[in-house]
Amino acid sequence: MKTKFAWIVAVALMSSVASAEDAKVGLVDMQRALQTTEAGKKARAQLEKEFKATKAQFDAEKASIEKMGEEFKKQSLVLSDEARAKKQAEVQERIMKFQEKASRSQQEIQNKERQLTSPMIEKIRTIVAELAKQKGYSVILEKGEANVLFSLEKDDLTAEVVTAFNKQNKG
């Protein structure tokens, strides 16, 4: 819905701007900018470091659950119906707890990523606005697979945004 609205706004802006002879439309790939700035690389490394131990725990738990499931399959032929049902319930409960824990962990990772990238996004937006004014762009669109199907390389300002961001954020 958000993407559809953004696309409609962009088309409306472009059509109103297109009537002007000197209208310039630029593009910035925000994802690429975030991932290639020095601050973005540091944020990614920090996230990976923080959640490396958690991933190891999840991998160990997953292996343990798989082993438990294999043992259950082997034992199920010799277990009574009651014992089999009890053991199956244990396996299912452990799987559900694992999935809940994995979901919470995924949310934590997303929240931490948002916390680390939000200030960078604001700075990038400011840089984009400054570049647009300096270079005479009427509109700057976010370049993404869902939004822009084609653009000329000369209109992609991502590299300039990354350079400006890195220059402003040394130290």
N, C-alpha and C. Protein backbone atom coordinates (compact mmCIF):
# COMPACT_ATOMS: atom_id res chain seq x y z
N MET A 1 0.83 -1.19 0.00
CA MET A 1 0.00 0.00 0.00
C MET A 1 0.88 1.26 0.00
N LYS A 2 1.89 1.26 0.88
CA LYS A 2 2.79 2.41 0.98
C LYS A 2 3.53 2.62 -0.34
N THR A 3 4.01 1.52 -0.94
CA THR A 3 4.73 1.61 -2.20
C THR A 3 3.81 2.11 -3.31
N LYS A 4 2.57 1.63 -3.32
CA LYS A 4 1.61 2.05 -4.33
C LYS A 4 1.34 3.55 -4.21
N PHE A 5 1.16 4.03 -2.99
CA PHE A 5 0.92 5.45 -2.76
C PHE A 5 2.13 6.27 -3.20
N ALA A 6 3.31 5.81 -2.84
CA ALA A 6 4.55 6.52 -3.22
C ALA A 6 4.66 6.58 -4.74
N TRP A 7 4.31 5.51 -5.41
CA TRP A 7 4.38 5.46 -6.87
C TRP A 7 3.40 6.46 -7.48
N ILE A 8 2.19 6.53 -6.94
CA ILE A 8 1.18 7.46 -7.46
C ILE A 8 1.65 8.90 -7.27
N VAL A 9 2.19 9.20 -6.09
CA VAL A 9 2.71 10.53 -5.82
C VAL A 9 3.86 10.85 -6.78
N ALA A 10 4.74 9.89 -6.98
CA ALA A 10 5.89 10.11 -7.87
C ALA A 10 5.42 10.38 -9.30
N VAL A 11 4.45 9.62 -9.77
CA VAL A 11 3.93 9.83 -11.13
C VAL A 11 3.27 11.20 -11.22
N ALA A 12 2.51 11.58 -10.21
CA ALA A 12 1.86 12.89 -10.22
C ALA A 12 2.90 14.01 -10.23
N LEU A 13 3.93 13.86 -9.41
CA LEU A 13 5.00 14.86 -9.39
C LEU A 13 5.71 14.93 -10.73
N MET A 14 6.01 13.77 -11.28
CA MET A 14 6.73 13.74 -12.56
C MET A 14 5.90 14.35 -13.67
N SER A 15 4.59 14.08 -13.67
CA SER A 15 3.77 14.63 -14.74
C SER A 15 3.66 16.14 -14.62
N SER A 16 3.59 16.65 -13.38
CA SER A 16 3.52 18.11 -13.23
C SER A 16 4.87 18.74 -13.50
N VAL A 17 5.94 18.05 -13.16
CA VAL A 17 7.29 18.57 -13.40
C VAL A 17 7.68 18.40 -14.87
N ALA A 18 7.17 17.35 -15.50
CA ALA A 18 7.55 17.06 -16.88
C ALA A 18 7.18 18.18 -17.83
N SER A 19 6.20 18.98 -17.45
CA SER A 19 5.82 20.07 -18.33
C SER A 19 6.88 21.15 -18.38
N ALA A 20 7.69 21.23 -17.34
CA ALA A 20 8.77 22.21 -17.34
C ALA A 20 9.91 21.69 -18.21
N GLU A 21 10.48 22.58 -19.01
CA GLU A 21 11.55 22.15 -19.91
C GLU A 21 12.79 21.68 -19.18
N ASP A 22 13.12 22.31 -18.08
CA ASP A 22 14.37 21.99 -17.40
C ASP A 22 14.21 21.05 -16.21
N ALA A 23 13.15 20.25 -16.19
CA ALA A 23 12.91 19.33 -15.08
C ALA A 23 13.96 18.22 -15.10
N LYS A 24 14.53 17.94 -13.92
CA LYS A 24 15.51 16.87 -13.78
C LYS A 24 15.02 15.93 -12.68
N VAL A 25 15.08 14.65 -12.97
CA VAL A 25 14.68 13.64 -12.00
C VAL A 25 15.91 12.80 -11.67
N GLY A 26 16.21 12.68 -10.40
CA GLY A 26 17.34 11.88 -9.95
C GLY A 26 16.86 10.69 -9.13
N LEU A 27 17.77 9.79 -8.89
CA LEU A 27 17.45 8.57 -8.14
C LEU A 27 18.51 8.31 -7.09
N VAL A 28 18.09 7.70 -5.98
CA VAL A 28 19.01 7.25 -4.96
C VAL A 28 18.54 5.89 -4.47
N ASP A 29 19.46 4.94 -4.46
CA ASP A 29 19.18 3.60 -3.93
C ASP A 29 19.51 3.64 -2.44
N MET A 30 18.51 3.82 -1.60
CA MET A 30 18.72 3.97 -0.17
C MET A 30 19.34 2.72 0.45
N GLN A 31 18.90 1.55 0.03
CA GLN A 31 19.47 0.31 0.58
C GLN A 31 20.96 0.23 0.28
N ARG A 32 21.32 0.48 -0.95
CA ARG A 32 22.73 0.43 -1.34
C ARG A 32 23.52 1.50 -0.60
N ALA A 33 22.94 2.67 -0.46
CA ALA A 33 23.62 3.75 0.27
C ALA A 33 23.87 3.34 1.72
N LEU A 34 22.85 2.79 2.37
CA LEU A 34 23.01 2.35 3.76
C LEU A 34 24.08 1.27 3.89
N GLN A 35 24.11 0.36 2.95
CA GLN A 35 25.03 -0.76 3.03
C GLN A 35 26.45 -0.41 2.66
N THR A 36 26.65 0.66 1.90
CA THR A 36 28.00 0.96 1.43
C THR A 36 28.66 2.13 2.16
N THR A 37 27.92 2.87 2.97
CA THR A 37 28.58 3.92 3.76
C THR A 37 29.42 3.24 4.84
N GLU A 38 30.43 3.94 5.30
CA GLU A 38 31.28 3.39 6.36
C GLU A 38 30.44 3.12 7.61
N ALA A 39 29.55 4.05 7.95
CA ALA A 39 28.69 3.87 9.13
C ALA A 39 27.76 2.66 8.94
N GLY A 40 27.27 2.47 7.73
CA GLY A 40 26.41 1.33 7.44
C GLY A 40 27.15 0.01 7.57
N LYS A 41 28.38 -0.02 7.10
CA LYS A 41 29.21 -1.23 7.23
C LYS A 41 29.48 -1.54 8.70
N LYS A 42 29.77 -0.49 9.48
CA LYS A 42 30.01 -0.68 10.92
C LYS A 42 28.75 -1.18 11.62
N ALA A 43 27.61 -0.62 11.25
CA ALA A 43 26.34 -1.05 11.85
C ALA A 43 26.07 -2.52 11.54
N ARG A 44 26.31 -2.91 10.29
CA ARG A 44 26.10 -4.31 9.88
C ARG A 44 27.03 -5.23 10.67
N ALA A 45 28.29 -4.85 10.81
CA ALA A 45 29.26 -5.65 11.56
C ALA A 45 28.84 -5.75 13.03
N GLN A 46 28.36 -4.66 13.60
CA GLN A 46 27.91 -4.66 14.99
C GLN A 46 26.73 -5.60 15.17
N LEU A 47 25.76 -5.54 14.25
CA LEU A 47 24.61 -6.44 14.33
C LEU A 47 25.05 -7.89 14.25
N GLU A 48 25.92 -8.18 13.29
CA GLU A 48 26.38 -9.56 13.12
C GLU A 48 27.12 -10.04 14.37
N LYS A 49 27.93 -9.18 14.95
CA LYS A 49 28.68 -9.55 16.16
C LYS A 49 27.73 -9.82 17.32
N GLU A 50 26.77 -8.91 17.51
CA GLU A 50 25.83 -9.04 18.63
C GLU A 50 24.98 -10.30 18.54
N PHE A 51 24.60 -10.67 17.34
CA PHE A 51 23.68 -11.78 17.20
C PHE A 51 24.36 -13.08 16.78
N LYS A 52 25.68 -13.08 16.73
CA LYS A 52 26.41 -14.29 16.38
C LYS A 52 26.21 -15.37 17.45
N ALA A 53 26.31 -14.97 18.71
CA ALA A 53 26.11 -15.93 19.81
C ALA A 53 24.69 -16.47 19.81
N THR A 54 23.73 -15.58 19.54
CA THR A 54 22.33 -16.01 19.49
C THR A 54 22.12 -17.02 18.38
N LYS A 55 22.73 -16.77 17.23
CA LYS A 55 22.61 -17.70 16.10
C LYS A 55 23.20 -19.06 16.47
N ALA A 56 24.32 -19.06 17.16
CA ALA A 56 24.93 -20.32 17.57
C ALA A 56 23.99 -21.10 18.50
N GLN A 57 23.33 -20.38 19.41
CA GLN A 57 22.37 -21.03 20.31
C GLN A 57 21.20 -21.63 19.53
N PHE A 58 20.71 -20.85 18.54
CA PHE A 58 19.59 -21.35 17.73
C PHE A 58 20.00 -22.57 16.91
N ASP A 59 21.20 -22.54 16.37
CA ASP A 59 21.68 -23.68 15.59
C ASP A 59 21.78 -24.93 16.46
N ALA A 60 22.29 -24.77 17.69
CA ALA A 60 22.40 -25.89 18.61
C ALA A 60 21.02 -26.42 19.00
N GLU A 61 20.10 -25.52 19.27
CA GLU A 61 18.73 -25.92 19.64
C GLU A 61 18.04 -26.64 18.48
N LYS A 62 18.25 -26.12 17.27
CA LYS A 62 17.65 -26.75 16.08
C LYS A 62 18.19 -28.17 15.90
N ALA A 63 19.49 -28.33 16.06
CA ALA A 63 20.09 -29.66 15.93
C ALA A 63 19.56 -30.60 17.01
N SER A 64 19.40 -30.08 18.22
CA SER A 64 18.87 -30.89 19.32
C SER A 64 17.43 -31.33 19.04
N ILE A 65 16.64 -30.42 18.51
CA ILE A 65 15.24 -30.76 18.19
C ILE A 65 15.19 -31.79 17.07
N GLU A 66 16.04 -31.64 16.06
CA GLU A 66 16.08 -32.60 14.96
C GLU A 66 16.47 -33.99 15.48
N LYS A 67 17.44 -34.02 16.38
CA LYS A 67 17.87 -35.29 16.97
C LYS A 67 16.73 -35.91 17.76
N MET A 68 16.03 -35.07 18.53
CA MET A 68 14.89 -35.53 19.32
C MET A 68 13.81 -36.12 18.40
N GLY A 69 13.57 -35.46 17.26
CA GLY A 69 12.58 -35.96 16.30
C GLY A 69 12.99 -37.28 15.69
N GLU A 70 14.27 -37.43 15.37
CA GLU A 70 14.76 -38.70 14.80
C GLU A 70 14.63 -39.84 15.82
N GLU A 71 14.97 -39.54 17.08
CA GLU A 71 14.85 -40.55 18.14
C GLU A 71 13.40 -40.96 18.32
N PHE A 72 12.50 -39.97 18.23
CA PHE A 72 11.08 -40.26 18.36
C PHE A 72 10.62 -41.20 17.24
N LYS A 73 11.07 -40.94 16.03
CA LYS A 73 10.68 -41.80 14.90
C LYS A 73 11.15 -43.23 15.13
N LYS A 74 12.37 -43.37 15.61
CA LYS A 74 12.92 -44.72 15.86
C LYS A 74 12.15 -45.43 16.97
N GLN A 75 11.81 -44.69 18.02
CA GLN A 75 11.16 -45.28 19.18
C GLN A 75 9.66 -45.46 18.99
N SER A 76 9.07 -44.76 18.07
CA SER A 76 7.60 -44.74 17.95
C SER A 76 7.01 -46.12 17.68
N LEU A 77 7.77 -46.99 17.03
CA LEU A 77 7.25 -48.33 16.73
C LEU A 77 7.14 -49.20 17.97
N VAL A 78 8.01 -48.95 18.95
CA VAL A 78 8.01 -49.81 20.14
C VAL A 78 7.29 -49.17 21.33
N LEU A 79 6.90 -47.92 21.21
CA LEU A 79 6.21 -47.24 22.30
C LEU A 79 4.72 -47.54 22.28
N SER A 80 4.13 -47.50 23.47
CA SER A 80 2.67 -47.65 23.54
C SER A 80 2.03 -46.39 22.97
N ASP A 81 0.75 -46.47 22.66
CA ASP A 81 0.05 -45.31 22.11
C ASP A 81 0.13 -44.11 23.05
N GLU A 82 -0.02 -44.35 24.33
CA GLU A 82 0.03 -43.27 25.32
C GLU A 82 1.42 -42.65 25.38
N ALA A 83 2.44 -43.49 25.43
CA ALA A 83 3.83 -43.00 25.50
C ALA A 83 4.19 -42.26 24.20
N ARG A 84 3.74 -42.79 23.06
CA ARG A 84 4.00 -42.15 21.78
C ARG A 84 3.36 -40.77 21.72
N ALA A 85 2.12 -40.65 22.16
CA ALA A 85 1.40 -39.38 22.17
C ALA A 85 2.11 -38.37 23.09
N LYS A 86 2.57 -38.85 24.24
CA LYS A 86 3.26 -37.98 25.19
C LYS A 86 4.57 -37.47 24.59
N LYS A 87 5.32 -38.38 23.99
CA LYS A 87 6.61 -38.01 23.40
C LYS A 87 6.39 -37.05 22.22
N GLN A 88 5.38 -37.31 21.41
CA GLN A 88 5.08 -36.43 20.27
C GLN A 88 4.69 -35.04 20.76
N ALA A 89 3.94 -34.97 21.83
CA ALA A 89 3.55 -33.67 22.41
C ALA A 89 4.79 -32.92 22.90
N GLU A 90 5.74 -33.64 23.48
CA GLU A 90 6.98 -33.02 23.95
C GLU A 90 7.76 -32.41 22.78
N VAL A 91 7.85 -33.18 21.70
CA VAL A 91 8.56 -32.70 20.51
C VAL A 91 7.86 -31.46 19.95
N GLN A 92 6.54 -31.51 19.83
CA GLN A 92 5.78 -30.39 19.29
C GLN A 92 5.92 -29.14 20.17
N GLU A 93 5.89 -29.33 21.48
CA GLU A 93 6.02 -28.19 22.39
C GLU A 93 7.39 -27.55 22.26
N ARG A 94 8.40 -28.38 22.14
CA ARG A 94 9.76 -27.85 22.00
C ARG A 94 9.92 -27.09 20.68
N ILE A 95 9.30 -27.60 19.63
CA ILE A 95 9.33 -26.92 18.33
C ILE A 95 8.62 -25.57 18.43
N MET A 96 7.47 -25.54 19.08
CA MET A 96 6.72 -24.29 19.22
C MET A 96 7.51 -23.26 20.02
N LYS A 97 8.14 -23.69 21.10
CA LYS A 97 8.94 -22.76 21.91
C LYS A 97 10.12 -22.23 21.10
N PHE A 98 10.71 -23.09 20.32
CA PHE A 98 11.83 -22.68 19.46
C PHE A 98 11.37 -21.64 18.45
N GLN A 99 10.23 -21.88 17.83
CA GLN A 99 9.71 -20.93 16.84
C GLN A 99 9.36 -19.59 17.47
N GLU A 100 8.78 -19.61 18.66
CA GLU A 100 8.45 -18.36 19.36
C GLU A 100 9.73 -17.59 19.70
N LYS A 101 10.73 -18.31 20.20
CA LYS A 101 11.99 -17.67 20.55
C LYS A 101 12.67 -17.11 19.30
N ALA A 102 12.62 -17.83 18.20
CA ALA A 102 13.21 -17.36 16.94
C ALA A 102 12.49 -16.11 16.45
N SER A 103 11.18 -16.09 16.58
CA SER A 103 10.40 -14.93 16.16
C SER A 103 10.75 -13.71 17.01
N ARG A 104 10.85 -13.87 18.32
CA ARG A 104 11.23 -12.77 19.20
C ARG A 104 12.63 -12.27 18.86
N SER A 105 13.52 -13.19 18.60
CA SER A 105 14.89 -12.82 18.26
C SER A 105 14.94 -12.05 16.95
N GLN A 106 14.15 -12.46 15.98
CA GLN A 106 14.08 -11.76 14.70
C GLN A 106 13.57 -10.34 14.89
N GLN A 107 12.59 -10.17 15.75
CA GLN A 107 12.07 -8.83 16.05
C GLN A 107 13.13 -7.97 16.73
N GLU A 108 13.88 -8.58 17.64
CA GLU A 108 14.96 -7.85 18.31
C GLU A 108 16.01 -7.38 17.30
N ILE A 109 16.35 -8.25 16.38
CA ILE A 109 17.33 -7.90 15.35
C ILE A 109 16.81 -6.74 14.50
N GLN A 110 15.55 -6.82 14.09
CA GLN A 110 14.96 -5.76 13.28
C GLN A 110 14.90 -4.44 14.05
N ASN A 111 14.55 -4.50 15.33
CA ASN A 111 14.51 -3.29 16.15
C ASN A 111 15.90 -2.68 16.30
N LYS A 112 16.88 -3.52 16.53
CA LYS A 112 18.26 -3.04 16.68
C LYS A 112 18.74 -2.44 15.35
N GLU A 113 18.41 -3.09 14.24
CA GLU A 113 18.80 -2.57 12.93
C GLU A 113 18.16 -1.21 12.69
N ARG A 114 16.89 -1.09 13.02
CA ARG A 114 16.18 0.18 12.87
C ARG A 114 16.82 1.26 13.74
N GLN A 115 17.17 0.89 14.96
CA GLN A 115 17.80 1.81 15.89
C GLN A 115 19.15 2.30 15.34
N LEU A 116 19.90 1.41 14.71
CA LEU A 116 21.21 1.78 14.17
C LEU A 116 21.09 2.58 12.87
N THR A 117 20.09 2.26 12.03
CA THR A 117 20.01 2.89 10.72
C THR A 117 19.16 4.15 10.65
N SER A 118 18.24 4.33 11.57
CA SER A 118 17.38 5.52 11.53
C SER A 118 18.16 6.84 11.47
N PRO A 119 19.16 7.02 12.34
CA PRO A 119 19.93 8.27 12.24
C PRO A 119 20.65 8.41 10.90
N MET A 120 21.12 7.30 10.36
CA MET A 120 21.80 7.34 9.06
C MET A 120 20.83 7.73 7.95
N ILE A 121 19.62 7.20 8.01
CA ILE A 121 18.62 7.50 6.99
C ILE A 121 18.31 9.00 6.99
N GLU A 122 18.17 9.56 8.17
CA GLU A 122 17.88 11.00 8.26
C GLU A 122 19.02 11.82 7.65
N LYS A 123 20.26 11.43 7.94
CA LYS A 123 21.42 12.13 7.38
C LYS A 123 21.46 11.98 5.86
N ILE A 124 21.16 10.79 5.38
CA ILE A 124 21.15 10.55 3.93
C ILE A 124 20.09 11.41 3.26
N ARG A 125 18.91 11.50 3.87
CA ARG A 125 17.84 12.33 3.30
C ARG A 125 18.27 13.80 3.21
N THR A 126 18.96 14.27 4.24
CA THR A 126 19.45 15.64 4.23
C THR A 126 20.47 15.84 3.11
N ILE A 127 21.37 14.89 2.95
CA ILE A 127 22.37 14.96 1.88
C ILE A 127 21.70 14.93 0.51
N VAL A 128 20.69 14.08 0.36
CA VAL A 128 19.96 14.00 -0.91
C VAL A 128 19.33 15.35 -1.24
N ALA A 129 18.71 15.97 -0.24
CA ALA A 129 18.07 17.27 -0.47
C ALA A 129 19.11 18.31 -0.87
N GLU A 130 20.26 18.30 -0.22
CA GLU A 130 21.33 19.25 -0.55
C GLU A 130 21.85 19.02 -1.97
N LEU A 131 22.07 17.76 -2.32
CA LEU A 131 22.55 17.44 -3.68
C LEU A 131 21.53 17.85 -4.73
N ALA A 132 20.27 17.61 -4.44
CA ALA A 132 19.20 17.96 -5.39
C ALA A 132 19.21 19.46 -5.66
N LYS A 133 19.35 20.24 -4.61
CA LYS A 133 19.38 21.70 -4.78
C LYS A 133 20.63 22.13 -5.55
N GLN A 134 21.78 21.58 -5.18
CA GLN A 134 23.04 21.95 -5.83
C GLN A 134 23.04 21.62 -7.32
N LYS A 135 22.46 20.46 -7.67
CA LYS A 135 22.52 19.98 -9.04
C LYS A 135 21.28 20.30 -9.86
N GLY A 136 20.33 20.98 -9.24
CA GLY A 136 19.14 21.42 -9.96
C GLY A 136 18.13 20.33 -10.26
N TYR A 137 18.03 19.33 -9.41
CA TYR A 137 17.02 18.28 -9.61
C TYR A 137 15.68 18.75 -9.07
N SER A 138 14.64 18.47 -9.82
CA SER A 138 13.29 18.82 -9.40
C SER A 138 12.72 17.77 -8.47
N VAL A 139 13.07 16.50 -8.74
CA VAL A 139 12.54 15.37 -7.99
C VAL A 139 13.65 14.34 -7.83
N ILE A 140 13.73 13.74 -6.63
CA ILE A 140 14.62 12.61 -6.39
C ILE A 140 13.74 11.45 -5.95
N LEU A 141 13.81 10.35 -6.67
CA LEU A 141 13.03 9.16 -6.34
C LEU A 141 13.93 8.12 -5.69
N GLU A 142 13.33 7.27 -4.89
CA GLU A 142 14.08 6.17 -4.31
C GLU A 142 14.13 5.04 -5.34
N LYS A 143 15.32 4.64 -5.67
CA LYS A 143 15.50 3.58 -6.66
C LYS A 143 15.36 2.24 -5.96
N GLY A 144 14.45 1.46 -6.44
CA GLY A 144 14.22 0.12 -5.91
C GLY A 144 13.53 -0.71 -6.97
N GLU A 145 13.57 -1.99 -6.79
CA GLU A 145 13.00 -2.89 -7.79
C GLU A 145 11.52 -2.63 -8.04
N ALA A 146 10.79 -2.26 -6.98
CA ALA A 146 9.35 -2.06 -7.12
C ALA A 146 8.98 -0.68 -7.65
N ASN A 147 9.92 0.25 -7.58
CA ASN A 147 9.58 1.63 -7.92
C ASN A 147 10.08 2.08 -9.28
N VAL A 148 11.33 1.83 -9.58
CA VAL A 148 11.93 2.35 -10.80
C VAL A 148 12.35 1.18 -11.69
N LEU A 149 11.77 1.13 -12.86
CA LEU A 149 12.08 0.03 -13.78
C LEU A 149 13.28 0.34 -14.65
N PHE A 150 13.49 1.61 -14.93
CA PHE A 150 14.62 2.01 -15.77
C PHE A 150 15.05 3.42 -15.41
N SER A 151 16.34 3.61 -15.45
CA SER A 151 16.88 4.96 -15.26
C SER A 151 18.25 5.03 -15.91
N LEU A 152 18.62 6.23 -16.28
CA LEU A 152 19.95 6.44 -16.83
C LEU A 152 20.94 6.49 -15.67
N GLU A 153 22.11 5.96 -15.90
CA GLU A 153 23.14 5.93 -14.86
C GLU A 153 23.48 7.34 -14.37
N LYS A 154 23.45 8.30 -15.26
CA LYS A 154 23.81 9.67 -14.89
C LYS A 154 22.84 10.28 -13.87
N ASP A 155 21.64 9.73 -13.77
CA ASP A 155 20.65 10.25 -12.83
C ASP A 155 20.68 9.55 -11.48
N ASP A 156 21.54 8.53 -11.34
CA ASP A 156 21.67 7.82 -10.08
C ASP A 156 22.70 8.53 -9.20
N LEU A 157 22.24 9.11 -8.13
CA LEU A 157 23.09 9.90 -7.24
C LEU A 157 23.61 9.11 -6.04
N THR A 158 23.38 7.81 -6.01
CA THR A 158 23.74 7.00 -4.85
C THR A 158 25.21 7.12 -4.48
N ALA A 159 26.09 6.98 -5.45
CA ALA A 159 27.53 7.04 -5.15
C ALA A 159 27.92 8.40 -4.56
N GLU A 160 27.34 9.47 -5.10
CA GLU A 160 27.63 10.81 -4.57
C GLU A 160 27.10 10.96 -3.15
N VAL A 161 25.95 10.38 -2.87
CA VAL A 161 25.37 10.44 -1.54
C VAL A 161 26.27 9.69 -0.55
N VAL A 162 26.74 8.52 -0.95
CA VAL A 162 27.62 7.73 -0.08
C VAL A 162 28.91 8.50 0.20
N THR A 163 29.50 9.09 -0.83
CA THR A 163 30.73 9.86 -0.66
C THR A 163 30.51 11.04 0.29
N ALA A 164 29.43 11.77 0.09
CA ALA A 164 29.12 12.92 0.95
C ALA A 164 28.85 12.48 2.38
N PHE A 165 28.13 11.38 2.53
CA PHE A 165 27.83 10.86 3.88
C PHE A 165 29.13 10.50 4.59
N ASN A 166 30.00 9.74 3.90
CA ASN A 166 31.26 9.33 4.52
C ASN A 166 32.12 10.54 4.89
N LYS A 167 32.12 11.53 4.03
CA LYS A 167 32.92 12.74 4.28
C LYS A 167 32.40 13.47 5.53
N GLN A 168 31.07 13.56 5.65
CA GLN A 168 30.46 14.26 6.79
C GLN A 168 30.59 13.49 8.10
N ASN A 169 30.74 12.19 8.00
CA ASN A 169 30.69 11.35 9.20
C ASN A 169 32.01 10.64 9.50
N LYS A 170 33.12 11.28 9.17
CA LYS A 170 34.42 10.71 9.52
C LYS A 170 34.62 10.82 11.01
N GLY A 171 35.31 9.79 11.53
CA GLY A 171 35.68 9.86 12.95
C GLY A 171 35.01 8.87 13.73
